[in-house]
Amino acid sequence: MDSEANSNSPVIEVRTYRAREGQRERLMNLIRDLAFPVQRKLGIRVLGPFPSQDDPVTFVWLRAFQSPTSRDALRRAFYEGPEWSQQLEGQLMPLLDSYASVLVEDRDGLWQRWPGQPFDVTAVGT
């Protein structure tokens, strides 16, 4: 985010994961069934996972935040929370070969129309 005008605008993380050989389905299931509920409970909006049609190990999922400031606070709450440190990290990381994350501006207003969310939701941590 280069401009101050965008500092309070919604942002979306496009997360690309490469699972270890033969582990994609298991990793996607664990993320969907265990990690997504924890993130949603914190106020993070998640969508996916979406398996790649190009190879058998890659998948993508999305994570949205009301602003970069809320992103920082909510990511800290998730990764410093007991669910991550006591359970999720140990289950997910051994199945993961690599990952990348790209933060994009929500120029189309997806935050307001995020699937499964009421229209007038106000995120935690803003």
N, C-alpha and C. Protein backbone atom coordinates (compact mmCIF):
# COMPACT_ATOMS: atom_id res chain seq x y z
N MET A 1 0.84 -1.17 0.00
CA MET A 1 0.00 0.00 0.00
C MET A 1 0.89 1.24 0.00
N ASP A 2 0.88 1.96 -1.06
CA ASP A 2 1.75 3.10 -1.18
C ASP A 2 1.16 4.39 -0.65
N SER A 3 -0.14 4.54 -0.74
CA SER A 3 -0.72 5.82 -0.37
C SER A 3 -1.45 5.74 0.95
N GLU A 4 -1.46 6.87 1.62
CA GLU A 4 -2.15 6.96 2.90
C GLU A 4 -3.64 6.74 2.74
N ALA A 5 -4.20 7.10 1.57
CA ALA A 5 -5.62 6.93 1.30
C ALA A 5 -6.03 5.47 1.36
N ASN A 6 -5.10 4.56 1.07
CA ASN A 6 -5.41 3.14 1.07
C ASN A 6 -5.17 2.46 2.41
N SER A 7 -4.67 3.18 3.40
CA SER A 7 -4.30 2.57 4.67
C SER A 7 -5.50 2.05 5.45
N ASN A 8 -6.68 2.53 5.15
CA ASN A 8 -7.88 2.05 5.84
C ASN A 8 -8.83 1.32 4.91
N SER A 9 -8.36 0.96 3.72
CA SER A 9 -9.17 0.24 2.75
C SER A 9 -9.00 -1.26 2.94
N PRO A 10 -10.02 -2.04 2.61
CA PRO A 10 -9.91 -3.50 2.72
C PRO A 10 -8.78 -4.05 1.85
N VAL A 11 -8.18 -5.13 2.32
CA VAL A 11 -7.12 -5.83 1.60
C VAL A 11 -7.42 -7.32 1.60
N ILE A 12 -6.90 -7.98 0.58
CA ILE A 12 -7.09 -9.42 0.43
C ILE A 12 -5.72 -10.07 0.25
N GLU A 13 -5.48 -11.12 1.00
CA GLU A 13 -4.28 -11.93 0.82
C GLU A 13 -4.63 -13.08 -0.11
N VAL A 14 -3.85 -13.23 -1.15
CA VAL A 14 -3.96 -14.39 -2.02
C VAL A 14 -2.83 -15.32 -1.61
N ARG A 15 -3.19 -16.44 -1.02
CA ARG A 15 -2.20 -17.35 -0.44
C ARG A 15 -2.07 -18.60 -1.33
N THR A 16 -0.86 -18.86 -1.79
CA THR A 16 -0.59 -20.01 -2.64
C THR A 16 0.25 -21.00 -1.86
N TYR A 17 -0.25 -22.21 -1.73
CA TYR A 17 0.45 -23.26 -0.97
C TYR A 17 0.83 -24.40 -1.91
N ARG A 18 2.01 -24.96 -1.65
CA ARG A 18 2.45 -26.18 -2.31
C ARG A 18 2.61 -27.24 -1.21
N ALA A 19 1.75 -28.25 -1.29
CA ALA A 19 1.79 -29.33 -0.31
C ALA A 19 2.91 -30.31 -0.66
N ARG A 20 3.35 -31.04 0.32
CA ARG A 20 4.29 -32.12 0.04
C ARG A 20 3.57 -33.15 -0.84
N GLU A 21 4.32 -33.86 -1.63
CA GLU A 21 3.76 -34.83 -2.58
C GLU A 21 2.74 -35.75 -1.89
N GLY A 22 1.55 -35.85 -2.47
CA GLY A 22 0.50 -36.72 -1.96
C GLY A 22 -0.26 -36.18 -0.76
N GLN A 23 0.03 -34.95 -0.31
CA GLN A 23 -0.57 -34.41 0.91
C GLN A 23 -1.56 -33.25 0.68
N ARG A 24 -1.78 -32.88 -0.59
CA ARG A 24 -2.62 -31.71 -0.84
C ARG A 24 -4.02 -31.85 -0.25
N GLU A 25 -4.68 -32.94 -0.52
CA GLU A 25 -6.06 -33.12 -0.05
C GLU A 25 -6.13 -33.07 1.47
N ARG A 26 -5.20 -33.74 2.11
CA ARG A 26 -5.17 -33.75 3.59
C ARG A 26 -4.92 -32.34 4.13
N LEU A 27 -3.97 -31.63 3.54
CA LEU A 27 -3.66 -30.27 3.99
C LEU A 27 -4.85 -29.34 3.76
N MET A 28 -5.48 -29.42 2.60
CA MET A 28 -6.65 -28.58 2.35
C MET A 28 -7.77 -28.86 3.35
N ASN A 29 -8.01 -30.13 3.64
CA ASN A 29 -9.05 -30.49 4.61
C ASN A 29 -8.75 -29.95 5.99
N LEU A 30 -7.49 -30.08 6.43
CA LEU A 30 -7.12 -29.57 7.76
C LEU A 30 -7.26 -28.05 7.83
N ILE A 31 -6.84 -27.37 6.80
CA ILE A 31 -6.97 -25.91 6.79
C ILE A 31 -8.43 -25.51 6.83
N ARG A 32 -9.24 -26.14 5.98
CA ARG A 32 -10.67 -25.81 5.92
C ARG A 32 -11.38 -26.16 7.23
N ASP A 33 -11.09 -27.33 7.79
CA ASP A 33 -11.83 -27.80 8.96
C ASP A 33 -11.31 -27.28 10.29
N LEU A 34 -10.01 -26.96 10.37
CA LEU A 34 -9.42 -26.55 11.65
C LEU A 34 -8.98 -25.08 11.68
N ALA A 35 -8.25 -24.64 10.65
CA ALA A 35 -7.70 -23.28 10.68
C ALA A 35 -8.75 -22.23 10.31
N PHE A 36 -9.58 -22.50 9.31
CA PHE A 36 -10.58 -21.51 8.90
C PHE A 36 -11.54 -21.14 10.03
N PRO A 37 -12.07 -22.10 10.79
CA PRO A 37 -12.99 -21.71 11.87
C PRO A 37 -12.33 -20.79 12.91
N VAL A 38 -11.07 -21.03 13.23
CA VAL A 38 -10.37 -20.18 14.19
C VAL A 38 -10.22 -18.77 13.62
N GLN A 39 -9.85 -18.68 12.35
CA GLN A 39 -9.69 -17.37 11.73
C GLN A 39 -11.03 -16.63 11.64
N ARG A 40 -12.08 -17.34 11.27
CA ARG A 40 -13.41 -16.70 11.19
C ARG A 40 -13.85 -16.19 12.57
N LYS A 41 -13.57 -16.97 13.58
CA LYS A 41 -13.94 -16.57 14.95
C LYS A 41 -13.25 -15.26 15.34
N LEU A 42 -12.05 -15.04 14.83
CA LEU A 42 -11.30 -13.82 15.12
C LEU A 42 -11.79 -12.63 14.29
N GLY A 43 -12.54 -12.90 13.20
CA GLY A 43 -13.00 -11.83 12.33
C GLY A 43 -12.30 -11.77 11.00
N ILE A 44 -11.46 -12.76 10.71
CA ILE A 44 -10.79 -12.86 9.42
C ILE A 44 -11.76 -13.55 8.46
N ARG A 45 -11.88 -13.00 7.27
CA ARG A 45 -12.73 -13.62 6.26
C ARG A 45 -11.87 -14.51 5.38
N VAL A 46 -12.28 -15.76 5.22
CA VAL A 46 -11.51 -16.71 4.44
C VAL A 46 -12.40 -17.34 3.36
N LEU A 47 -11.76 -17.76 2.29
CA LEU A 47 -12.47 -18.38 1.19
C LEU A 47 -11.55 -19.39 0.53
N GLY A 48 -12.07 -20.56 0.24
CA GLY A 48 -11.28 -21.61 -0.39
C GLY A 48 -11.30 -22.85 0.47
N PRO A 49 -10.34 -23.70 0.29
CA PRO A 49 -9.22 -23.67 -0.64
C PRO A 49 -9.65 -24.08 -2.05
N PHE A 50 -8.85 -23.62 -3.01
CA PHE A 50 -9.10 -23.88 -4.42
C PHE A 50 -7.91 -24.66 -4.99
N PRO A 51 -8.09 -25.95 -5.31
CA PRO A 51 -6.98 -26.75 -5.84
C PRO A 51 -6.61 -26.33 -7.26
N SER A 52 -5.33 -26.32 -7.54
CA SER A 52 -4.83 -26.01 -8.87
C SER A 52 -5.22 -27.11 -9.85
N GLN A 53 -5.54 -26.70 -11.06
CA GLN A 53 -5.77 -27.68 -12.12
C GLN A 53 -4.48 -27.95 -12.89
N ASP A 54 -3.43 -27.17 -12.58
CA ASP A 54 -2.17 -27.31 -13.29
C ASP A 54 -1.23 -28.34 -12.69
N ASP A 55 -1.36 -28.59 -11.39
CA ASP A 55 -0.49 -29.59 -10.76
C ASP A 55 -1.17 -30.16 -9.53
N PRO A 56 -0.72 -31.31 -9.05
CA PRO A 56 -1.40 -32.01 -7.96
C PRO A 56 -1.00 -31.57 -6.55
N VAL A 57 -0.14 -30.56 -6.41
CA VAL A 57 0.31 -30.17 -5.08
C VAL A 57 -0.07 -28.74 -4.68
N THR A 58 -0.46 -27.92 -5.65
CA THR A 58 -0.70 -26.50 -5.38
C THR A 58 -2.18 -26.22 -5.13
N PHE A 59 -2.44 -25.29 -4.20
CA PHE A 59 -3.79 -24.76 -4.01
C PHE A 59 -3.68 -23.33 -3.53
N VAL A 60 -4.78 -22.62 -3.68
CA VAL A 60 -4.86 -21.21 -3.33
C VAL A 60 -6.02 -21.01 -2.38
N TRP A 61 -5.88 -20.06 -1.47
CA TRP A 61 -7.03 -19.63 -0.67
C TRP A 61 -6.89 -18.15 -0.40
N LEU A 62 -7.99 -17.52 -0.01
CA LEU A 62 -8.03 -16.08 0.19
C LEU A 62 -8.35 -15.76 1.63
N ARG A 63 -7.76 -14.66 2.07
CA ARG A 63 -8.01 -14.16 3.43
C ARG A 63 -8.19 -12.66 3.31
N ALA A 64 -9.29 -12.12 3.84
CA ALA A 64 -9.59 -10.70 3.68
C ALA A 64 -9.67 -10.00 5.03
N PHE A 65 -9.26 -8.73 4.99
CA PHE A 65 -9.22 -7.89 6.18
C PHE A 65 -9.81 -6.53 5.85
N GLN A 66 -10.41 -5.90 6.83
CA GLN A 66 -11.04 -4.61 6.59
C GLN A 66 -10.02 -3.51 6.30
N SER A 67 -8.79 -3.69 6.78
CA SER A 67 -7.73 -2.69 6.55
C SER A 67 -6.38 -3.35 6.84
N PRO A 68 -5.29 -2.73 6.38
CA PRO A 68 -3.97 -3.26 6.74
C PRO A 68 -3.75 -3.28 8.25
N THR A 69 -4.29 -2.30 8.95
CA THR A 69 -4.14 -2.26 10.41
C THR A 69 -4.84 -3.44 11.06
N SER A 70 -6.07 -3.73 10.62
CA SER A 70 -6.77 -4.88 11.19
C SER A 70 -6.07 -6.18 10.80
N ARG A 71 -5.48 -6.22 9.61
CA ARG A 71 -4.73 -7.41 9.18
C ARG A 71 -3.60 -7.71 10.16
N ASP A 72 -2.83 -6.69 10.50
CA ASP A 72 -1.72 -6.90 11.43
C ASP A 72 -2.20 -7.44 12.76
N ALA A 73 -3.25 -6.83 13.30
CA ALA A 73 -3.77 -7.24 14.61
C ALA A 73 -4.35 -8.66 14.56
N LEU A 74 -5.11 -8.96 13.53
CA LEU A 74 -5.75 -10.27 13.44
C LEU A 74 -4.76 -11.38 13.13
N ARG A 75 -3.76 -11.09 12.33
CA ARG A 75 -2.72 -12.10 12.07
C ARG A 75 -1.97 -12.42 13.36
N ARG A 76 -1.63 -11.38 14.13
CA ARG A 76 -0.97 -11.61 15.42
C ARG A 76 -1.86 -12.47 16.33
N ALA A 77 -3.14 -12.14 16.40
CA ALA A 77 -4.05 -12.90 17.26
C ALA A 77 -4.10 -14.37 16.84
N PHE A 78 -4.08 -14.63 15.54
CA PHE A 78 -4.13 -16.01 15.07
C PHE A 78 -2.81 -16.74 15.33
N TYR A 79 -1.70 -16.18 14.87
CA TYR A 79 -0.42 -16.88 14.96
C TYR A 79 0.17 -16.90 16.37
N GLU A 80 -0.27 -16.02 17.23
CA GLU A 80 0.19 -16.04 18.61
C GLU A 80 -0.82 -16.71 19.54
N GLY A 81 -1.93 -17.16 18.98
CA GLY A 81 -2.97 -17.79 19.78
C GLY A 81 -2.68 -19.25 20.08
N PRO A 82 -3.38 -19.78 21.05
CA PRO A 82 -3.12 -21.17 21.47
C PRO A 82 -3.47 -22.20 20.41
N GLU A 83 -4.49 -21.94 19.59
CA GLU A 83 -4.86 -22.92 18.57
C GLU A 83 -3.71 -23.15 17.59
N TRP A 84 -3.05 -22.05 17.17
CA TRP A 84 -1.93 -22.19 16.24
C TRP A 84 -0.74 -22.85 16.92
N SER A 85 -0.33 -22.31 18.04
CA SER A 85 0.91 -22.79 18.66
C SER A 85 0.78 -24.17 19.28
N GLN A 86 -0.40 -24.53 19.73
CA GLN A 86 -0.56 -25.83 20.42
C GLN A 86 -1.11 -26.94 19.53
N GLN A 87 -1.66 -26.59 18.37
CA GLN A 87 -2.26 -27.63 17.53
C GLN A 87 -1.96 -27.45 16.05
N LEU A 88 -2.40 -26.34 15.49
CA LEU A 88 -2.40 -26.19 14.04
C LEU A 88 -1.00 -26.19 13.43
N GLU A 89 -0.08 -25.47 14.02
CA GLU A 89 1.27 -25.39 13.46
C GLU A 89 1.88 -26.78 13.31
N GLY A 90 1.75 -27.61 14.34
CA GLY A 90 2.32 -28.95 14.31
C GLY A 90 1.64 -29.88 13.32
N GLN A 91 0.37 -29.63 13.03
CA GLN A 91 -0.35 -30.48 12.08
C GLN A 91 -0.17 -30.02 10.64
N LEU A 92 -0.15 -28.71 10.42
CA LEU A 92 -0.13 -28.18 9.06
C LEU A 92 1.27 -28.08 8.46
N MET A 93 2.21 -27.58 9.21
CA MET A 93 3.54 -27.29 8.64
C MET A 93 4.26 -28.51 8.08
N PRO A 94 4.17 -29.70 8.70
CA PRO A 94 4.85 -30.87 8.11
C PRO A 94 4.29 -31.28 6.74
N LEU A 95 3.07 -30.86 6.43
CA LEU A 95 2.44 -31.21 5.15
C LEU A 95 2.72 -30.19 4.06
N LEU A 96 3.31 -29.07 4.44
CA LEU A 96 3.50 -27.93 3.54
C LEU A 96 4.94 -27.90 3.02
N ASP A 97 5.08 -27.84 1.70
CA ASP A 97 6.40 -27.73 1.10
C ASP A 97 6.84 -26.27 1.03
N SER A 98 5.94 -25.38 0.56
CA SER A 98 6.24 -23.95 0.49
C SER A 98 4.94 -23.17 0.36
N TYR A 99 5.06 -21.87 0.58
CA TYR A 99 3.89 -21.01 0.41
C TYR A 99 4.33 -19.61 0.03
N ALA A 100 3.42 -18.89 -0.56
CA ALA A 100 3.64 -17.49 -0.91
C ALA A 100 2.34 -16.74 -0.64
N SER A 101 2.49 -15.47 -0.33
CA SER A 101 1.32 -14.65 -0.05
C SER A 101 1.48 -13.31 -0.76
N VAL A 102 0.43 -12.89 -1.43
CA VAL A 102 0.42 -11.60 -2.10
C VAL A 102 -0.74 -10.79 -1.52
N LEU A 103 -0.45 -9.58 -1.09
CA LEU A 103 -1.48 -8.70 -0.55
C LEU A 103 -1.96 -7.77 -1.66
N VAL A 104 -3.27 -7.77 -1.90
CA VAL A 104 -3.83 -6.94 -2.96
C VAL A 104 -4.90 -6.01 -2.40
N GLU A 105 -5.09 -4.88 -3.07
CA GLU A 105 -6.14 -3.94 -2.70
C GLU A 105 -7.48 -4.52 -3.12
N ASP A 106 -8.48 -4.28 -2.32
CA ASP A 106 -9.85 -4.72 -2.63
C ASP A 106 -10.56 -3.60 -3.39
N ARG A 107 -10.18 -3.39 -4.63
CA ARG A 107 -10.73 -2.31 -5.43
C ARG A 107 -12.16 -2.56 -5.90
N ASP A 108 -12.59 -3.82 -5.88
CA ASP A 108 -13.93 -4.14 -6.35
C ASP A 108 -14.95 -4.27 -5.22
N GLY A 109 -14.56 -3.99 -3.99
CA GLY A 109 -15.50 -4.05 -2.87
C GLY A 109 -15.90 -5.45 -2.46
N LEU A 110 -15.02 -6.41 -2.68
CA LEU A 110 -15.32 -7.78 -2.28
C LEU A 110 -15.56 -7.89 -0.78
N TRP A 111 -14.85 -7.07 0.01
CA TRP A 111 -15.03 -7.10 1.47
C TRP A 111 -16.51 -6.97 1.84
N GLN A 112 -17.22 -6.09 1.19
CA GLN A 112 -18.64 -5.86 1.49
C GLN A 112 -19.52 -7.00 1.01
N ARG A 113 -19.05 -7.79 0.06
CA ARG A 113 -19.85 -8.86 -0.54
C ARG A 113 -19.27 -10.24 -0.28
N TRP A 114 -18.39 -10.36 0.71
CA TRP A 114 -17.70 -11.63 0.96
C TRP A 114 -18.70 -12.74 1.19
N PRO A 115 -18.56 -13.86 0.48
CA PRO A 115 -19.51 -14.98 0.64
C PRO A 115 -19.63 -15.44 2.08
N GLY A 116 -20.87 -15.64 2.50
CA GLY A 116 -21.12 -16.13 3.86
C GLY A 116 -21.12 -15.07 4.93
N GLN A 117 -21.00 -13.81 4.56
CA GLN A 117 -20.97 -12.71 5.52
C GLN A 117 -22.20 -11.82 5.35
N PRO A 118 -22.79 -11.36 6.44
CA PRO A 118 -23.85 -10.37 6.32
C PRO A 118 -23.28 -9.09 5.70
N PHE A 119 -24.08 -8.34 5.00
CA PHE A 119 -23.63 -7.15 4.29
C PHE A 119 -23.02 -6.11 5.22
N ASP A 120 -23.56 -5.93 6.42
CA ASP A 120 -23.14 -4.82 7.28
C ASP A 120 -22.20 -5.23 8.40
N VAL A 121 -21.45 -6.28 8.22
CA VAL A 121 -20.52 -6.73 9.25
C VAL A 121 -19.38 -5.72 9.43
N THR A 122 -19.02 -5.45 10.68
CA THR A 122 -17.86 -4.63 11.00
C THR A 122 -16.82 -5.55 11.60
N ALA A 123 -15.62 -5.53 11.04
CA ALA A 123 -14.57 -6.46 11.48
C ALA A 123 -14.00 -6.08 12.83
N VAL A 124 -13.48 -7.08 13.49
CA VAL A 124 -12.78 -6.91 14.75
C VAL A 124 -11.41 -6.32 14.45
N GLY A 125 -10.90 -5.47 15.31
CA GLY A 125 -9.54 -4.98 15.19
C GLY A 125 -9.34 -3.80 14.28
N THR A 126 -10.40 -3.07 13.95
CA THR A 126 -10.21 -1.91 13.08
C THR A 126 -10.02 -0.66 13.89
